[in-house]
């Protein structure tokens, strides 16, 4: 390799390596800050999860109660219809 081209390449590689190092450090700091913020939001997310689970259980209980009411109403309507359709004595 030509010594003149090597003399030009050394500063280019050194300066390019320095800026590449600075870019990588910046991304690493940003990623670390993002991970730390995510771990701090953990208790808040856990509380939200518990709240949603409780709301879901309440909805399931209400749906079961409504299903029982619909079944009862259907039985009453069927009983009334059977009495009207029964032949007179």
PDB file of N, CA and C in Angstrom:
ATOM      1  N   UNK A   1       0.838  -1.167   0.000  1.00  0.00           N
ATOM      2  CA  UNK A   1       0.000   0.000   0.000  1.00  0.00           C
ATOM      3  C   UNK A   1       0.891   1.241   0.000  1.00  0.00           C
ATOM      4  N   UNK A   2       0.475   2.239  -0.692  1.00  0.00           N
ATOM      5  CA  UNK A   2       1.224   3.477  -0.840  1.00  0.00           C
ATOM      6  C   UNK A   2       1.275   4.222   0.506  1.00  0.00           C
ATOM      7  N   UNK A   3       2.458   4.664   0.939  1.00  0.00           N
ATOM      8  CA  UNK A   3       2.566   5.365   2.223  1.00  0.00           C
ATOM      9  C   UNK A   3       1.772   6.667   2.265  1.00  0.00           C
ATOM     10  N   UNK A   4       1.624   7.341   1.123  1.00  0.00           N
ATOM     11  CA  UNK A   4       0.852   8.588   1.101  1.00  0.00           C
ATOM     12  C   UNK A   4      -0.636   8.313   1.355  1.00  0.00           C
ATOM     13  N   UNK A   5      -1.180   7.250   0.761  1.00  0.00           N
ATOM     14  CA  UNK A   5      -2.599   6.921   0.972  1.00  0.00           C
ATOM     15  C   UNK A   5      -2.817   6.416   2.399  1.00  0.00           C
ATOM     16  N   UNK A   6      -1.815   5.737   2.941  1.00  0.00           N
ATOM     17  CA  UNK A   6      -1.913   5.276   4.331  1.00  0.00           C
ATOM     18  C   UNK A   6      -1.905   6.465   5.286  1.00  0.00           C
ATOM     19  N   UNK A   7      -1.137   7.476   4.974  1.00  0.00           N
ATOM     20  CA  UNK A   7      -1.077   8.678   5.812  1.00  0.00           C
ATOM     21  C   UNK A   7      -2.415   9.415   5.803  1.00  0.00           C
ATOM     22  N   UNK A   8      -3.155   9.330   4.729  1.00  0.00           N
ATOM     23  CA  UNK A   8      -4.472   9.972   4.640  1.00  0.00           C
ATOM     24  C   UNK A   8      -5.526   9.110   5.331  1.00  0.00           C
ATOM     25  N   UNK A   9      -5.400   7.803   5.214  1.00  0.00           N
ATOM     26  CA  UNK A   9      -6.407   6.888   5.764  1.00  0.00           C
ATOM     27  C   UNK A   9      -6.395   6.855   7.291  1.00  0.00           C
ATOM     28  N   UNK A  10      -5.245   6.989   7.906  1.00  0.00           N
ATOM     29  CA  UNK A  10      -5.154   6.906   9.366  1.00  0.00           C
ATOM     30  C   UNK A  10      -6.005   7.986  10.042  1.00  0.00           C
ATOM     31  N   UNK A  11      -5.902   9.256   9.680  1.00  0.00           N
ATOM     32  CA  UNK A  11      -6.761  10.258  10.328  1.00  0.00           C
ATOM     33  C   UNK A  11      -8.245  10.059  10.008  1.00  0.00           C
ATOM     34  N   UNK A  12      -8.540   9.629   8.789  1.00  0.00           N
ATOM     35  CA  UNK A  12      -9.943   9.405   8.412  1.00  0.00           C
ATOM     36  C   UNK A  12     -10.554   8.298   9.276  1.00  0.00           C
ATOM     37  N   UNK A  13      -9.832   7.192   9.443  1.00  0.00           N
ATOM     38  CA  UNK A  13     -10.322   6.086  10.259  1.00  0.00           C
ATOM     39  C   UNK A  13     -10.420   6.493  11.717  1.00  0.00           C
ATOM     40  N   UNK A  14      -9.440   7.263  12.206  1.00  0.00           N
ATOM     41  CA  UNK A  14      -9.447   7.696  13.603  1.00  0.00           C
ATOM     42  C   UNK A  14     -10.637   8.617  13.881  1.00  0.00           C
ATOM     43  N   UNK A  15     -10.853   9.594  13.004  1.00  0.00           N
ATOM     44  CA  UNK A  15     -11.962  10.534  13.198  1.00  0.00           C
ATOM     45  C   UNK A  15     -13.304   9.813  13.019  1.00  0.00           C
ATOM     46  N   UNK A  16     -13.392   8.950  12.019  1.00  0.00           N
ATOM     47  CA  UNK A  16     -14.628   8.180  11.801  1.00  0.00           C
ATOM     48  C   UNK A  16     -14.929   7.261  12.976  1.00  0.00           C
ATOM     49  N   UNK A  17     -13.895   6.632  13.528  1.00  0.00           N
ATOM     50  CA  UNK A  17     -14.083   5.766  14.696  1.00  0.00           C
ATOM     51  C   UNK A  17     -14.549   6.554  15.912  1.00  0.00           C
ATOM     52  N   UNK A  18     -13.998   7.756  16.087  1.00  0.00           N
ATOM     53  CA  UNK A  18     -14.413   8.601  17.212  1.00  0.00           C
ATOM     54  C   UNK A  18     -15.899   8.951  17.107  1.00  0.00           C
ATOM     55  N   UNK A  19     -16.325   9.388  15.932  1.00  0.00           N
ATOM     56  CA  UNK A  19     -17.733   9.750  15.767  1.00  0.00           C
ATOM     57  C   UNK A  19     -18.648   8.528  15.860  1.00  0.00           C
ATOM     58  N   UNK A  20     -18.197   7.397  15.371  1.00  0.00           N
ATOM     59  CA  UNK A  20     -18.989   6.165  15.509  1.00  0.00           C
ATOM     60  C   UNK A  20     -19.141   5.804  16.990  1.00  0.00           C
ATOM     61  N   UNK A  21     -18.079   5.966  17.766  1.00  0.00           N
ATOM     62  CA  UNK A  21     -18.132   5.704  19.200  1.00  0.00           C
ATOM     63  C   UNK A  21     -19.125   6.646  19.886  1.00  0.00           C
ATOM     64  N   UNK A  22     -19.107   7.917  19.519  1.00  0.00           N
ATOM     65  CA  UNK A  22     -20.027   8.889  20.111  1.00  0.00           C
ATOM     66  C   UNK A  22     -21.485   8.535  19.770  1.00  0.00           C
ATOM     67  N   UNK A  23     -21.738   8.125  18.561  1.00  0.00           N
ATOM     68  CA  UNK A  23     -23.098   7.740  18.150  1.00  0.00           C
ATOM     69  C   UNK A  23     -23.569   6.518  18.918  1.00  0.00           C
ATOM     70  N   UNK A  24     -22.704   5.524  19.044  1.00  0.00           N
ATOM     71  CA  UNK A  24     -23.068   4.304  19.772  1.00  0.00           C
ATOM     72  C   UNK A  24     -23.327   4.620  21.238  1.00  0.00           C
ATOM     73  N   UNK A  25     -22.510   5.467  21.862  1.00  0.00           N
ATOM     74  CA  UNK A  25     -22.721   5.840  23.269  1.00  0.00           C
ATOM     75  C   UNK A  25     -24.048   6.565  23.449  1.00  0.00           C
ATOM     76  N   UNK A  26     -24.401   7.439  22.502  1.00  0.00           N
ATOM     77  CA  UNK A  26     -25.671   8.167  22.589  1.00  0.00           C
ATOM     78  C   UNK A  26     -26.849   7.199  22.522  1.00  0.00           C
ATOM     79  N   UNK A  27     -26.813   6.286  21.583  1.00  0.00           N
ATOM     80  CA  UNK A  27     -27.895   5.293  21.477  1.00  0.00           C
ATOM     81  C   UNK A  27     -27.956   4.403  22.712  1.00  0.00           C
ATOM     82  N   UNK A  28     -26.812   4.045  23.248  1.00  0.00           N
ATOM     83  CA  UNK A  28     -26.782   3.207  24.447  1.00  0.00           C
ATOM     84  C   UNK A  28     -27.399   3.932  25.635  1.00  0.00           C
ATOM     85  N   UNK A  29     -27.073   5.210  25.810  1.00  0.00           N
ATOM     86  CA  UNK A  29     -27.659   5.986  26.906  1.00  0.00           C
ATOM     87  C   UNK A  29     -29.174   6.112  26.742  1.00  0.00           C
ATOM     88  N   UNK A  30     -29.613   6.369  25.525  1.00  0.00           N
ATOM     89  CA  UNK A  30     -31.050   6.508  25.287  1.00  0.00           C
ATOM     90  C   UNK A  30     -31.769   5.189  25.564  1.00  0.00           C
ATOM     91  N   UNK A  31     -31.190   4.082  25.129  1.00  0.00           N
ATOM     92  CA  UNK A  31     -31.801   2.764  25.348  1.00  0.00           C
ATOM     93  C   UNK A  31     -31.828   2.420  26.830  1.00  0.00           C
ATOM     94  N   UNK A  32     -30.760   2.737  27.547  1.00  0.00           N
ATOM     95  CA  UNK A  32     -30.718   2.478  28.989  1.00  0.00           C
ATOM     96  C   UNK A  32     -31.772   3.307  29.712  1.00  0.00           C
ATOM     97  N   UNK A  33     -31.928   4.563  29.335  1.00  0.00           N
ATOM     98  CA  UNK A  33     -32.945   5.417  29.958  1.00  0.00           C
ATOM     99  C   UNK A  33     -34.342   4.875  29.672  1.00  0.00           C
ATOM    100  N   UNK A  34     -34.558   4.390  28.478  1.00  0.00           N
ATOM    101  CA  UNK A  34     -35.865   3.818  28.121  1.00  0.00           C
ATOM    102  C   UNK A  34     -36.142   2.571  28.949  1.00  0.00           C
ATOM    103  N   UNK A  35     -35.153   1.715  29.134  1.00  0.00           N
ATOM    104  CA  UNK A  35     -35.333   0.509  29.949  1.00  0.00           C
ATOM    105  C   UNK A  35     -35.611   0.856  31.403  1.00  0.00           C
ATOM    106  N   UNK A  36     -34.914   1.848  31.934  1.00  0.00           N
ATOM    107  CA  UNK A  36     -35.142   2.248  33.318  1.00  0.00           C
ATOM    108  C   UNK A  36     -36.528   2.850  33.493  1.00  0.00           C
ATOM    109  N   UNK A  37     -36.985   3.625  32.536  1.00  0.00           N
ATOM    110  CA  UNK A  37     -38.325   4.203  32.612  1.00  0.00           C
ATOM    111  C   UNK A  37     -39.381   3.099  32.544  1.00  0.00           C
ATOM    112  N   UNK A  38     -39.135   2.080  31.752  1.00  0.00           N
ATOM    113  CA  UNK A  38     -40.066   0.959  31.654  1.00  0.00           C
ATOM    114  C   UNK A  38     -40.139   0.173  32.940  1.00  0.00           C
ATOM    115  N   UNK A  39     -39.011   0.010  33.619  1.00  0.00           N
ATOM    116  CA  UNK A  39     -39.019  -0.742  34.874  1.00  0.00           C
ATOM    117  C   UNK A  39     -39.672   0.060  35.989  1.00  0.00           C
ATOM    118  N   UNK A  40     -39.602   1.375  35.938  1.00  0.00           N
ATOM    119  CA  UNK A  40     -40.262   2.207  36.936  1.00  0.00           C
ATOM    120  C   UNK A  40     -41.762   2.236  36.725  1.00  0.00           C
ATOM    121  N   UNK A  41     -42.219   2.047  35.498  1.00  0.00           N
ATOM    122  CA  UNK A  41     -43.650   2.039  35.213  1.00  0.00           C
ATOM    123  C   UNK A  41     -44.261   0.678  35.553  1.00  0.00           C
ATOM    124  N   UNK A  42     -43.461  -0.284  35.952  1.00  0.00           N
ATOM    125  CA  UNK A  42     -43.945  -1.626  36.275  1.00  0.00           C
ATOM    126  C   UNK A  42     -45.022  -1.645  37.341  1.00  0.00           C
ATOM    127  N   UNK A  43     -44.815  -1.013  38.501  1.00  0.00           N
ATOM    128  CA  UNK A  43     -45.873  -1.028  39.522  1.00  0.00           C
ATOM    129  C   UNK A  43     -47.168  -0.366  39.053  1.00  0.00           C
ATOM    130  N   UNK A  44     -47.053   0.695  38.264  1.00  0.00           N
ATOM    131  CA  UNK A  44     -48.250   1.359  37.750  1.00  0.00           C
ATOM    132  C   UNK A  44     -48.987   0.441  36.784  1.00  0.00           C
ATOM    133  N   UNK A  45     -48.232  -0.256  35.950  1.00  0.00           N
ATOM    134  CA  UNK A  45     -48.865  -1.194  35.013  1.00  0.00           C
ATOM    135  C   UNK A  45     -49.497  -2.358  35.759  1.00  0.00           C
ATOM    136  N   UNK A  46     -48.842  -2.812  36.813  1.00  0.00           N
ATOM    137  CA  UNK A  46     -49.392  -3.914  37.603  1.00  0.00           C
ATOM    138  C   UNK A  46     -50.697  -3.488  38.271  1.00  0.00           C
ATOM    139  N   UNK A  47     -50.741  -2.272  38.785  1.00  0.00           N
ATOM    140  CA  UNK A  47     -51.978  -1.765  39.405  1.00  0.00           C
ATOM    141  C   UNK A  47     -53.084  -1.650  38.368  1.00  0.00           C
ATOM    142  N   UNK A  48     -52.743  -1.185  37.187  1.00  0.00           N
ATOM    143  CA  UNK A  48     -53.740  -1.075  36.101  1.00  0.00           C
ATOM    144  C   UNK A  48     -54.240  -2.460  35.700  1.00  0.00           C
ATOM    145  N   UNK A  49     -53.342  -3.420  35.664  1.00  0.00           N
ATOM    146  CA  UNK A  49     -53.715  -4.789  35.321  1.00  0.00           C
ATOM    147  C   UNK A  49     -54.689  -5.352  36.355  1.00  0.00           C
ATOM    148  N   UNK A  50     -54.409  -5.112  37.635  1.00  0.00           N
ATOM    149  CA  UNK A  50     -55.299  -5.594  38.699  1.00  0.00           C
ATOM    150  C   UNK A  50     -56.669  -4.927  38.590  1.00  0.00           C
ATOM    151  N   UNK A  51     -56.678  -3.642  38.275  1.00  0.00           N
ATOM    152  CA  UNK A  51     -57.940  -2.909  38.134  1.00  0.00           C
ATOM    153  C   UNK A  51     -58.768  -3.475  36.977  1.00  0.00           C
ATOM    154  N   UNK A  52     -58.107  -3.740  35.858  1.00  0.00           N
ATOM    155  CA  UNK A  52     -58.810  -4.308  34.712  1.00  0.00           C
ATOM    156  C   UNK A  52     -59.312  -5.720  34.984  1.00  0.00           C
ATOM    157  N   UNK A  53     -58.540  -6.503  35.721  1.00  0.00           N
ATOM    158  CA  UNK A  53     -58.972  -7.855  36.069  1.00  0.00           C
ATOM    159  C   UNK A  53     -60.200  -7.809  36.972  1.00  0.00           C
ATOM    160  N   UNK A  54     -60.232  -6.880  37.908  1.00  0.00           N
ATOM    161  CA  UNK A  54     -61.394  -6.742  38.796  1.00  0.00           C
ATOM    162  C   UNK A  54     -62.622  -6.308  38.006  1.00  0.00           C
ATOM    163  N   UNK A  55     -62.442  -5.384  37.080  1.00  0.00           N
ATOM    164  CA  UNK A  55     -63.562  -4.936  36.253  1.00  0.00           C
ATOM    165  C   UNK A  55     -64.079  -6.075  35.386  1.00  0.00           C
ATOM    166  N   UNK A  56     -63.182  -6.885  34.871  1.00  0.00           N
ATOM    167  CA  UNK A  56     -63.585  -8.023  34.051  1.00  0.00           C
ATOM    168  C   UNK A  56     -64.384  -9.040  34.874  1.00  0.00           C
ATOM    169  N   UNK A  57     -63.946  -9.289  36.088  1.00  0.00           N
ATOM    170  CA  UNK A  57     -64.680 -10.207  36.970  1.00  0.00           C
ATOM    171  C   UNK A  57     -66.073  -9.671  37.267  1.00  0.00           C
ATOM    172  N   UNK A  58     -66.184  -8.377  37.484  1.00  0.00           N
ATOM    173  CA  UNK A  58     -67.485  -7.757  37.741  1.00  0.00           C
ATOM    174  C   UNK A  58     -68.404  -7.912  36.530  1.00  0.00           C
ATOM    175  N   UNK A  59     -67.847  -7.693  35.342  1.00  0.00           N
ATOM    176  CA  UNK A  59     -68.644  -7.872  34.124  1.00  0.00           C
ATOM    177  C   UNK A  59     -69.098  -9.320  33.952  1.00  0.00           C
ATOM    178  N   UNK A  60     -68.225 -10.258  34.259  1.00  0.00           N
ATOM    179  CA  UNK A  60     -68.601 -11.673  34.162  1.00  0.00           C
ATOM    180  C   UNK A  60     -69.727 -12.007  35.134  1.00  0.00           C
ATOM    181  N   UNK A  61     -69.645 -11.468  36.354  1.00  0.00           N
ATOM    182  CA  UNK A  61     -70.687 -11.714  37.345  1.00  0.00           C
ATOM    183  C   UNK A  61     -72.018 -11.126  36.878  1.00  0.00           C
ATOM    184  N   UNK A  62     -71.980  -9.913  36.342  1.00  0.00           N
ATOM    185  CA  UNK A  62     -73.200  -9.281  35.851  1.00  0.00           C
ATOM    186  C   UNK A  62     -73.786 -10.056  34.668  1.00  0.00           C
ATOM    187  N   UNK A  63     -72.916 -10.546  33.788  1.00  0.00           N
ATOM    188  CA  UNK A  63     -73.408 -11.332  32.638  1.00  0.00           C
ATOM    189  C   UNK A  63     -74.063 -12.625  33.102  1.00  0.00           C
ATOM    190  N   UNK A  64     -73.486 -13.281  34.094  1.00  0.00           N
ATOM    191  CA  UNK A  64     -74.078 -14.506  34.620  1.00  0.00           C
ATOM    192  C   UNK A  64     -75.447 -14.211  35.239  1.00  0.00           C
ATOM    193  N   UNK A  65     -75.556 -13.100  35.956  1.00  0.00           N
ATOM    194  CA  UNK A  65     -76.824 -12.711  36.565  1.00  0.00           C
ATOM    195  C   UNK A  65     -77.866 -12.413  35.488  1.00  0.00           C
ATOM    196  N   UNK A  66     -77.463 -11.719  34.439  1.00  0.00           N
ATOM    197  CA  UNK A  66     -78.393 -11.434  33.352  1.00  0.00           C
ATOM    198  C   UNK A  66     -78.831 -12.704  32.630  1.00  0.00           C
ATOM    199  N   UNK A  67     -77.910 -13.645  32.467  1.00  0.00           N
ATOM    200  CA  UNK A  67     -78.267 -14.917  31.826  1.00  0.00           C
ATOM    201  C   UNK A  67     -79.292 -15.667  32.664  1.00  0.00           C
ATOM    202  N   UNK A  68     -79.143 -15.647  33.995  1.00  0.00           N
ATOM    203  CA  UNK A  68     -80.124 -16.292  34.868  1.00  0.00           C
ATOM    204  C   UNK A  68     -81.482 -15.622  34.747  1.00  0.00           C
ATOM    205  N   UNK A  69     -81.497 -14.295  34.664  1.00  0.00           N
ATOM    206  CA  UNK A  69     -82.760 -13.577  34.524  1.00  0.00           C
ATOM    207  C   UNK A  69     -83.442 -13.901  33.202  1.00  0.00           C
ATOM    208  N   UNK A  70     -82.655 -13.985  32.132  1.00  0.00           N
ATOM    209  CA  UNK A  70     -83.227 -14.333  30.823  1.00  0.00           C
ATOM    210  C   UNK A  70     -83.793 -15.744  30.859  1.00  0.00           C
ATOM    211  N   UNK A  71     -83.074 -16.673  31.463  1.00  0.00           N
ATOM    212  CA  UNK A  71     -83.586 -18.048  31.577  1.00  0.00           C
ATOM    213  C   UNK A  71     -84.892 -18.078  32.358  1.00  0.00           C
ATOM    214  N   UNK A  72     -84.966 -17.345  33.454  1.00  0.00           N
ATOM    215  CA  UNK A  72     -86.183 -17.305  34.260  1.00  0.00           C
ATOM    216  C   UNK A  72     -87.339 -16.718  33.452  1.00  0.00           C
ATOM    217  N   UNK A  73     -87.088 -15.637  32.738  1.00  0.00           N
ATOM    218  CA  UNK A  73     -88.134 -15.019  31.920  1.00  0.00           C
ATOM    219  C   UNK A  73     -88.604 -15.967  30.826  1.00  0.00           C
ATOM    220  N   UNK A  74     -87.679 -16.677  30.192  1.00  0.00           N
ATOM    221  CA  UNK A  74     -88.068 -17.635  29.155  1.00  0.00           C
ATOM    222  C   UNK A  74     -88.933 -18.747  29.735  1.00  0.00           C
ATOM    223  N   UNK A  75     -88.593 -19.223  30.932  1.00  0.00           N
ATOM    224  CA  UNK A  75     -89.407 -20.267  31.560  1.00  0.00           C
ATOM    225  C   UNK A  75     -90.808 -19.756  31.871  1.00  0.00           C
ATOM    226  N   UNK A  76     -90.903 -18.530  32.367  1.00  0.00           N
ATOM    227  CA  UNK A  76     -92.227 -17.960  32.658  1.00  0.00           C
ATOM    228  C   UNK A  76     -93.041 -17.805  31.383  1.00  0.00           C
ATOM    229  N   UNK A  77     -92.429 -17.325  30.335  1.00  0.00           N
ATOM    230  CA  UNK A  77     -93.156 -17.156  29.071  1.00  0.00           C
ATOM    231  C   UNK A  77     -93.578 -18.506  28.494  1.00  0.00           C
ATOM    232  N   UNK A  78     -92.701 -19.491  28.576  1.00  0.00           N
ATOM    233  CA  UNK A  78     -93.040 -20.816  28.069  1.00  0.00           C
ATOM    234  C   UNK A  78     -94.172 -21.418  28.895  1.00  0.00           C
ATOM    235  N   UNK A  79     -94.176 -21.229  30.191  1.00  0.00           N
ATOM    236  CA  UNK A  79     -95.225 -21.747  31.067  1.00  0.00           C
ATOM    237  C   UNK A  79     -96.562 -21.091  30.722  1.00  0.00           C
ATOM    238  N   UNK A  80     -96.571 -19.793  30.520  1.00  0.00           N
ATOM    239  CA  UNK A  80     -97.791 -19.091  30.144  1.00  0.00           C
ATOM    240  C   UNK A  80     -98.303 -19.543  28.792  1.00  0.00           C
ATOM    241  N   UNK A  81     -97.419 -19.788  27.853  1.00  0.00           N
ATOM    242  CA  UNK A  81     -97.813 -20.231  26.523  1.00  0.00           C
ATOM    243  C   UNK A  81     -98.370 -21.662  26.594  1.00  0.00           C
ATOM    244  N   UNK A  82     -97.781 -22.515  27.410  1.00  0.00           N
ATOM    245  CA  UNK A  82     -98.265 -23.880  27.550  1.00  0.00           C
ATOM    246  C   UNK A  82     -99.649 -23.899  28.171  1.00  0.00           C
ATOM    247  N   UNK A  83     -99.909 -23.008  29.124  1.00  0.00           N
ATOM    248  CA  UNK A  83    -101.224 -22.958  29.760  1.00  0.00           C
ATOM    249  C   UNK A  83    -102.283 -22.472  28.769  1.00  0.00           C
ATOM    250  N   UNK A  84    -101.936 -21.568  27.892  1.00  0.00           N
ATOM    251  CA  UNK A  84    -102.898 -21.085  26.898  1.00  0.00           C
ATOM    252  C   UNK A  84    -103.150 -22.136  25.828  1.00  0.00           C
ATOM    253  N   UNK A  85    -102.163 -22.952  25.521  1.00  0.00           N
ATOM    254  CA  UNK A  85    -102.327 -23.956  24.484  1.00  0.00           C
ATOM    255  C   UNK A  85    -102.954 -25.245  24.998  1.00  0.00           C
ATOM    256  N   UNK A  86    -102.991 -25.421  26.301  1.00  0.00           N
ATOM    257  CA  UNK A  86    -103.560 -26.652  26.860  1.00  0.00           C
ATOM    258  C   UNK A  86    -105.064 -26.666  26.600  1.00  0.00           C
ATOM    259  N   UNK A  87    -105.625 -27.856  26.263  1.00  0.00           N
ATOM    260  CA  UNK A  87    -107.078 -27.927  25.996  1.00  0.00           C
ATOM    261  C   UNK A  87    -107.885 -27.672  27.271  1.00  0.00           C
ATOM    262  N   UNK A  88    -109.026 -27.017  27.165  1.00  0.00           N
ATOM    263  CA  UNK A  88    -109.853 -26.737  28.345  1.00  0.00           C
ATOM    264  C   UNK A  88    -110.406 -28.009  28.935  1.00  0.00           C
ATOM    265  N   UNK A  89    -110.681 -28.051  30.229  1.00  0.00           N
ATOM    266  CA  UNK A  89    -111.196 -29.240  30.868  1.00  0.00           C
ATOM    267  C   UNK A  89    -112.648 -29.122  31.109  1.00  0.00           C
TER     268      UNK A  89
END
